Amino acid sequence: MSINQDLVDTTLTKRQGVVVYLNSVSNQYKLRRYGDIVYFSKKMGYCILYVDQEELDQVIEQLNRLNFVDQAEKAVSDEVDLSSSHIEEQITTLAQEAEQKLQGSQEKNTDHIA
């Protein structure tokens, strides 16, 4: 379950992440007028902003018009399933894959020795 799904019945403002790829990292401070900067990577040249969900499309359109922005797009973090059953299922799957790899490598070692 995503955070915004948890906030459905509350009066809190729903927020959405926006990933902004920059062609000039020296102008990243100008993005503050569009939303809250939560992460900035100078090395990779991108920034993550949080904006109100109601203004999301308008803000992305405005950001894409800026000359120092290569591309702005909606972050997929809202689509991540954070429910405990989903996480347990992923852990079980990873454990099974690890066991299969271990058994495969042990079989190779015993074949090589014999």
N, C-alpha and C. Protein backbone atom coordinates (compact mmCIF):
# COMPACT_ATOMS: atom_id res chain seq x y z
N MET A 1 0.85 -1.17 0.00
CA MET A 1 0.00 0.00 0.00
C MET A 1 0.90 1.23 0.00
N SER A 2 0.57 2.21 -0.85
CA SER A 2 1.40 3.41 -0.94
C SER A 2 1.00 4.41 0.14
N ILE A 3 1.86 5.37 0.34
CA ILE A 3 1.62 6.40 1.35
C ILE A 3 0.38 7.20 1.02
N ASN A 4 0.20 7.57 -0.25
CA ASN A 4 -0.96 8.35 -0.64
C ASN A 4 -2.26 7.57 -0.45
N GLN A 5 -2.22 6.25 -0.57
CA GLN A 5 -3.42 5.45 -0.30
C GLN A 5 -3.76 5.49 1.18
N ASP A 6 -2.75 5.56 2.04
CA ASP A 6 -2.98 5.68 3.47
C ASP A 6 -3.58 7.03 3.84
N LEU A 7 -3.32 8.05 3.03
CA LEU A 7 -3.78 9.41 3.33
C LEU A 7 -5.15 9.74 2.74
N VAL A 8 -5.82 8.77 2.14
CA VAL A 8 -7.09 9.03 1.46
C VAL A 8 -8.12 9.67 2.38
N ASP A 9 -8.25 9.20 3.60
CA ASP A 9 -9.29 9.69 4.50
C ASP A 9 -8.83 10.82 5.40
N THR A 10 -7.64 11.36 5.17
CA THR A 10 -7.14 12.45 6.00
C THR A 10 -7.23 13.77 5.25
N THR A 11 -7.01 14.85 5.97
CA THR A 11 -7.05 16.17 5.36
C THR A 11 -5.66 16.64 4.92
N LEU A 12 -4.66 15.77 5.04
CA LEU A 12 -3.30 16.12 4.63
C LEU A 12 -3.21 16.25 3.11
N THR A 13 -2.36 17.13 2.64
CA THR A 13 -2.16 17.35 1.22
C THR A 13 -1.43 16.16 0.60
N LYS A 14 -1.97 15.64 -0.49
CA LYS A 14 -1.33 14.54 -1.19
C LYS A 14 -0.18 15.11 -2.01
N ARG A 15 0.99 14.46 -1.94
CA ARG A 15 2.18 14.92 -2.64
C ARG A 15 2.64 13.85 -3.63
N GLN A 16 3.36 14.31 -4.63
CA GLN A 16 3.89 13.40 -5.64
C GLN A 16 5.31 13.80 -5.97
N GLY A 17 6.18 12.82 -6.16
CA GLY A 17 7.56 13.09 -6.52
C GLY A 17 7.70 13.37 -8.00
N VAL A 18 8.60 14.28 -8.34
CA VAL A 18 8.92 14.61 -9.72
C VAL A 18 10.44 14.53 -9.87
N VAL A 19 10.89 13.77 -10.86
CA VAL A 19 12.32 13.68 -11.15
C VAL A 19 12.63 14.68 -12.24
N VAL A 20 13.60 15.56 -11.96
CA VAL A 20 13.97 16.61 -12.92
C VAL A 20 15.42 16.38 -13.32
N TYR A 21 15.64 16.10 -14.61
CA TYR A 21 16.99 15.92 -15.15
C TYR A 21 17.48 17.27 -15.66
N LEU A 22 18.65 17.68 -15.18
CA LEU A 22 19.17 19.01 -15.47
C LEU A 22 20.34 18.95 -16.45
N ASN A 23 20.41 19.95 -17.34
CA ASN A 23 21.59 20.05 -18.20
C ASN A 23 22.58 21.06 -17.61
N SER A 24 22.15 21.82 -16.61
CA SER A 24 23.02 22.75 -15.91
C SER A 24 22.71 22.65 -14.42
N VAL A 25 23.57 21.98 -13.65
CA VAL A 25 23.29 21.75 -12.24
C VAL A 25 23.42 23.02 -11.40
N SER A 26 24.04 24.07 -11.93
CA SER A 26 24.19 25.30 -11.16
C SER A 26 22.87 26.03 -10.96
N ASN A 27 21.85 25.67 -11.72
CA ASN A 27 20.54 26.33 -11.62
C ASN A 27 19.54 25.56 -10.78
N GLN A 28 19.97 24.51 -10.09
CA GLN A 28 19.02 23.67 -9.35
C GLN A 28 18.27 24.44 -8.27
N TYR A 29 18.87 25.49 -7.71
CA TYR A 29 18.20 26.25 -6.66
C TYR A 29 16.94 26.94 -7.17
N LYS A 30 16.83 27.16 -8.47
CA LYS A 30 15.64 27.81 -9.05
C LYS A 30 14.41 26.90 -9.00
N LEU A 31 14.64 25.62 -8.77
CA LEU A 31 13.52 24.67 -8.72
C LEU A 31 12.70 24.80 -7.44
N ARG A 32 13.22 25.50 -6.45
CA ARG A 32 12.50 25.63 -5.17
C ARG A 32 11.14 26.29 -5.31
N ARG A 33 10.96 27.10 -6.33
CA ARG A 33 9.66 27.77 -6.49
C ARG A 33 8.57 26.83 -7.00
N TYR A 34 8.98 25.65 -7.50
CA TYR A 34 8.02 24.69 -8.05
C TYR A 34 7.62 23.59 -7.06
N GLY A 35 8.46 23.36 -6.05
CA GLY A 35 8.16 22.32 -5.07
C GLY A 35 9.28 22.22 -4.07
N ASP A 36 9.19 21.22 -3.21
CA ASP A 36 10.20 21.01 -2.17
C ASP A 36 11.28 20.07 -2.71
N ILE A 37 12.53 20.52 -2.72
CA ILE A 37 13.64 19.70 -3.16
C ILE A 37 13.98 18.73 -2.03
N VAL A 38 13.89 17.44 -2.32
CA VAL A 38 14.19 16.44 -1.31
C VAL A 38 15.51 15.73 -1.58
N TYR A 39 15.98 15.79 -2.83
CA TYR A 39 17.26 15.18 -3.15
C TYR A 39 17.83 15.85 -4.39
N PHE A 40 19.15 16.05 -4.38
CA PHE A 40 19.83 16.63 -5.53
C PHE A 40 21.15 15.89 -5.73
N SER A 41 21.40 15.42 -6.94
CA SER A 41 22.65 14.75 -7.27
C SER A 41 23.42 15.61 -8.27
N LYS A 42 24.47 16.22 -7.80
CA LYS A 42 25.31 17.05 -8.67
C LYS A 42 26.02 16.17 -9.69
N LYS A 43 26.51 15.01 -9.23
CA LYS A 43 27.25 14.10 -10.10
C LYS A 43 26.38 13.56 -11.23
N MET A 44 25.16 13.15 -10.91
CA MET A 44 24.27 12.55 -11.90
C MET A 44 23.39 13.59 -12.62
N GLY A 45 23.32 14.81 -12.08
CA GLY A 45 22.58 15.88 -12.73
C GLY A 45 21.07 15.75 -12.68
N TYR A 46 20.54 15.35 -11.54
CA TYR A 46 19.09 15.30 -11.40
C TYR A 46 18.67 15.75 -10.01
N CYS A 47 17.40 16.03 -9.89
CA CYS A 47 16.83 16.54 -8.64
C CYS A 47 15.46 15.89 -8.46
N ILE A 48 15.10 15.63 -7.21
CA ILE A 48 13.76 15.11 -6.92
C ILE A 48 13.01 16.16 -6.12
N LEU A 49 11.85 16.51 -6.63
CA LEU A 49 10.97 17.50 -5.99
C LEU A 49 9.70 16.81 -5.53
N TYR A 50 9.10 17.33 -4.48
CA TYR A 50 7.74 16.93 -4.11
C TYR A 50 6.82 18.10 -4.38
N VAL A 51 5.72 17.82 -5.09
CA VAL A 51 4.74 18.85 -5.42
C VAL A 51 3.35 18.33 -5.04
N ASP A 52 2.38 19.24 -4.93
CA ASP A 52 1.01 18.83 -4.66
C ASP A 52 0.48 18.03 -5.85
N GLN A 53 -0.24 16.95 -5.57
CA GLN A 53 -0.75 16.10 -6.65
C GLN A 53 -1.70 16.86 -7.57
N GLU A 54 -2.44 17.79 -7.02
CA GLU A 54 -3.39 18.54 -7.84
C GLU A 54 -2.69 19.40 -8.89
N GLU A 55 -1.46 19.82 -8.62
CA GLU A 55 -0.72 20.69 -9.53
C GLU A 55 0.34 19.93 -10.33
N LEU A 56 0.35 18.62 -10.25
CA LEU A 56 1.42 17.81 -10.83
C LEU A 56 1.62 18.05 -12.32
N ASP A 57 0.57 17.91 -13.13
CA ASP A 57 0.71 18.04 -14.57
C ASP A 57 1.15 19.44 -14.98
N GLN A 58 0.61 20.44 -14.31
CA GLN A 58 0.96 21.83 -14.60
C GLN A 58 2.43 22.10 -14.27
N VAL A 59 2.91 21.61 -13.14
CA VAL A 59 4.30 21.83 -12.72
C VAL A 59 5.25 21.11 -13.68
N ILE A 60 4.94 19.87 -14.07
CA ILE A 60 5.81 19.14 -15.01
C ILE A 60 5.90 19.88 -16.33
N GLU A 61 4.78 20.40 -16.80
CA GLU A 61 4.77 21.17 -18.05
C GLU A 61 5.64 22.42 -17.92
N GLN A 62 5.54 23.14 -16.80
CA GLN A 62 6.35 24.33 -16.58
C GLN A 62 7.83 23.98 -16.49
N LEU A 63 8.16 22.90 -15.80
CA LEU A 63 9.56 22.49 -15.66
C LEU A 63 10.17 22.10 -17.00
N ASN A 64 9.40 21.43 -17.84
CA ASN A 64 9.92 21.02 -19.15
C ASN A 64 10.18 22.21 -20.07
N ARG A 65 9.57 23.35 -19.79
CA ARG A 65 9.80 24.56 -20.59
C ARG A 65 11.08 25.30 -20.19
N LEU A 66 11.62 25.01 -19.01
CA LEU A 66 12.81 25.72 -18.55
C LEU A 66 14.03 25.31 -19.39
N ASN A 67 14.90 26.29 -19.69
CA ASN A 67 16.03 26.01 -20.58
C ASN A 67 17.13 25.18 -19.91
N PHE A 68 17.20 25.11 -18.60
CA PHE A 68 18.22 24.32 -17.93
C PHE A 68 17.73 22.92 -17.53
N VAL A 69 16.50 22.58 -17.92
CA VAL A 69 15.92 21.27 -17.62
C VAL A 69 15.88 20.43 -18.89
N ASP A 70 16.48 19.25 -18.83
CA ASP A 70 16.41 18.31 -19.96
C ASP A 70 15.04 17.66 -20.02
N GLN A 71 14.59 17.16 -18.86
CA GLN A 71 13.31 16.45 -18.80
C GLN A 71 12.80 16.42 -17.37
N ALA A 72 11.50 16.53 -17.21
CA ALA A 72 10.85 16.37 -15.91
C ALA A 72 9.77 15.31 -16.07
N GLU A 73 9.73 14.37 -15.12
CA GLU A 73 8.73 13.30 -15.21
C GLU A 73 8.27 12.89 -13.82
N LYS A 74 7.10 12.30 -13.78
CA LYS A 74 6.53 11.82 -12.53
C LYS A 74 7.36 10.67 -11.99
N ALA A 75 7.67 10.70 -10.71
CA ALA A 75 8.40 9.61 -10.07
C ALA A 75 7.45 8.43 -9.85
N VAL A 76 7.99 7.24 -9.90
CA VAL A 76 7.16 6.03 -9.76
C VAL A 76 7.06 5.56 -8.32
N SER A 77 7.55 6.34 -7.38
CA SER A 77 7.56 5.90 -5.98
C SER A 77 6.16 5.66 -5.43
N ASP A 78 5.15 6.33 -5.97
CA ASP A 78 3.78 6.14 -5.49
C ASP A 78 3.24 4.77 -5.90
N GLU A 79 3.83 4.17 -6.92
CA GLU A 79 3.36 2.90 -7.43
C GLU A 79 4.01 1.71 -6.73
N VAL A 80 4.93 1.97 -5.80
CA VAL A 80 5.61 0.90 -5.08
C VAL A 80 4.67 0.31 -4.03
N ASP A 81 4.55 -1.00 -4.03
CA ASP A 81 3.68 -1.69 -3.07
C ASP A 81 4.44 -1.92 -1.78
N LEU A 82 4.01 -1.26 -0.70
CA LEU A 82 4.69 -1.36 0.59
C LEU A 82 3.97 -2.26 1.58
N SER A 83 3.00 -3.03 1.11
CA SER A 83 2.27 -3.91 2.02
C SER A 83 3.18 -5.03 2.51
N SER A 84 2.94 -5.48 3.73
CA SER A 84 3.81 -6.52 4.32
C SER A 84 3.68 -7.84 3.57
N SER A 85 2.51 -8.16 3.05
CA SER A 85 2.36 -9.43 2.33
C SER A 85 3.18 -9.42 1.04
N HIS A 86 3.24 -8.28 0.37
CA HIS A 86 4.04 -8.18 -0.85
C HIS A 86 5.52 -8.31 -0.54
N ILE A 87 5.96 -7.68 0.53
CA ILE A 87 7.37 -7.74 0.92
C ILE A 87 7.75 -9.16 1.32
N GLU A 88 6.88 -9.85 2.07
CA GLU A 88 7.14 -11.24 2.46
C GLU A 88 7.23 -12.15 1.24
N GLU A 89 6.38 -11.90 0.26
CA GLU A 89 6.40 -12.69 -0.97
C GLU A 89 7.72 -12.49 -1.72
N GLN A 90 8.21 -11.25 -1.77
CA GLN A 90 9.48 -10.97 -2.43
C GLN A 90 10.64 -11.66 -1.70
N ILE A 91 10.63 -11.63 -0.38
CA ILE A 91 11.69 -12.26 0.42
C ILE A 91 11.69 -13.77 0.18
N THR A 92 10.52 -14.38 0.16
CA THR A 92 10.41 -15.82 -0.09
C THR A 92 10.95 -16.17 -1.47
N THR A 93 10.59 -15.40 -2.47
CA THR A 93 11.07 -15.64 -3.83
C THR A 93 12.59 -15.53 -3.90
N LEU A 94 13.14 -14.49 -3.28
CA LEU A 94 14.60 -14.32 -3.28
C LEU A 94 15.30 -15.47 -2.57
N ALA A 95 14.73 -15.95 -1.47
CA ALA A 95 15.32 -17.07 -0.73
C ALA A 95 15.32 -18.34 -1.58
N GLN A 96 14.23 -18.59 -2.29
CA GLN A 96 14.16 -19.76 -3.15
C GLN A 96 15.18 -19.68 -4.28
N GLU A 97 15.34 -18.50 -4.88
CA GLU A 97 16.32 -18.33 -5.96
C GLU A 97 17.74 -18.54 -5.43
N ALA A 98 18.02 -18.05 -4.23
CA ALA A 98 19.34 -18.22 -3.64
C ALA A 98 19.63 -19.70 -3.36
N GLU A 99 18.63 -20.43 -2.87
CA GLU A 99 18.81 -21.86 -2.61
C GLU A 99 19.10 -22.62 -3.90
N GLN A 100 18.39 -22.28 -4.97
CA GLN A 100 18.60 -22.95 -6.25
C GLN A 100 20.01 -22.67 -6.76
N LYS A 101 20.49 -21.45 -6.62
CA LYS A 101 21.85 -21.12 -7.06
C LYS A 101 22.88 -21.89 -6.24
N LEU A 102 22.65 -21.97 -4.92
CA LEU A 102 23.58 -22.71 -4.06
C LEU A 102 23.61 -24.18 -4.42
N GLN A 103 22.45 -24.77 -4.64
CA GLN A 103 22.39 -26.18 -5.01
C GLN A 103 23.08 -26.42 -6.35
N GLY A 104 22.90 -25.48 -7.28
CA GLY A 104 23.55 -25.61 -8.59
C GLY A 104 25.05 -25.52 -8.48
N SER A 105 25.55 -24.62 -7.64
CA SER A 105 27.01 -24.50 -7.50
C SER A 105 27.59 -25.68 -6.74
N GLN A 106 26.85 -26.27 -5.78
CA GLN A 106 27.32 -27.45 -5.06
C GLN A 106 27.39 -28.66 -5.99
N GLU A 107 26.42 -28.77 -6.89
CA GLU A 107 26.42 -29.87 -7.85
C GLU A 107 27.61 -29.77 -8.79
N LYS A 108 27.96 -28.56 -9.20
CA LYS A 108 29.13 -28.36 -10.06
C LYS A 108 30.40 -28.75 -9.33
N ASN A 109 30.49 -28.39 -8.05
CA ASN A 109 31.68 -28.74 -7.27
C ASN A 109 31.83 -30.24 -7.09
N THR A 110 30.74 -30.94 -6.85
CA THR A 110 30.83 -32.41 -6.65
C THR A 110 31.13 -33.09 -7.97
N ASP A 111 30.62 -32.58 -9.10
CA ASP A 111 30.92 -33.15 -10.41
C ASP A 111 32.40 -32.92 -10.76
N HIS A 112 32.91 -31.78 -10.39
CA HIS A 112 34.30 -31.43 -10.69
C HIS A 112 35.29 -32.28 -9.87
N ILE A 113 34.90 -32.60 -8.64
CA ILE A 113 35.77 -33.38 -7.75
C ILE A 113 35.79 -34.83 -8.19
N ALA A 114 34.66 -35.37 -8.61
CA ALA A 114 34.56 -36.80 -8.94
C ALA A 114 35.19 -37.15 -10.25
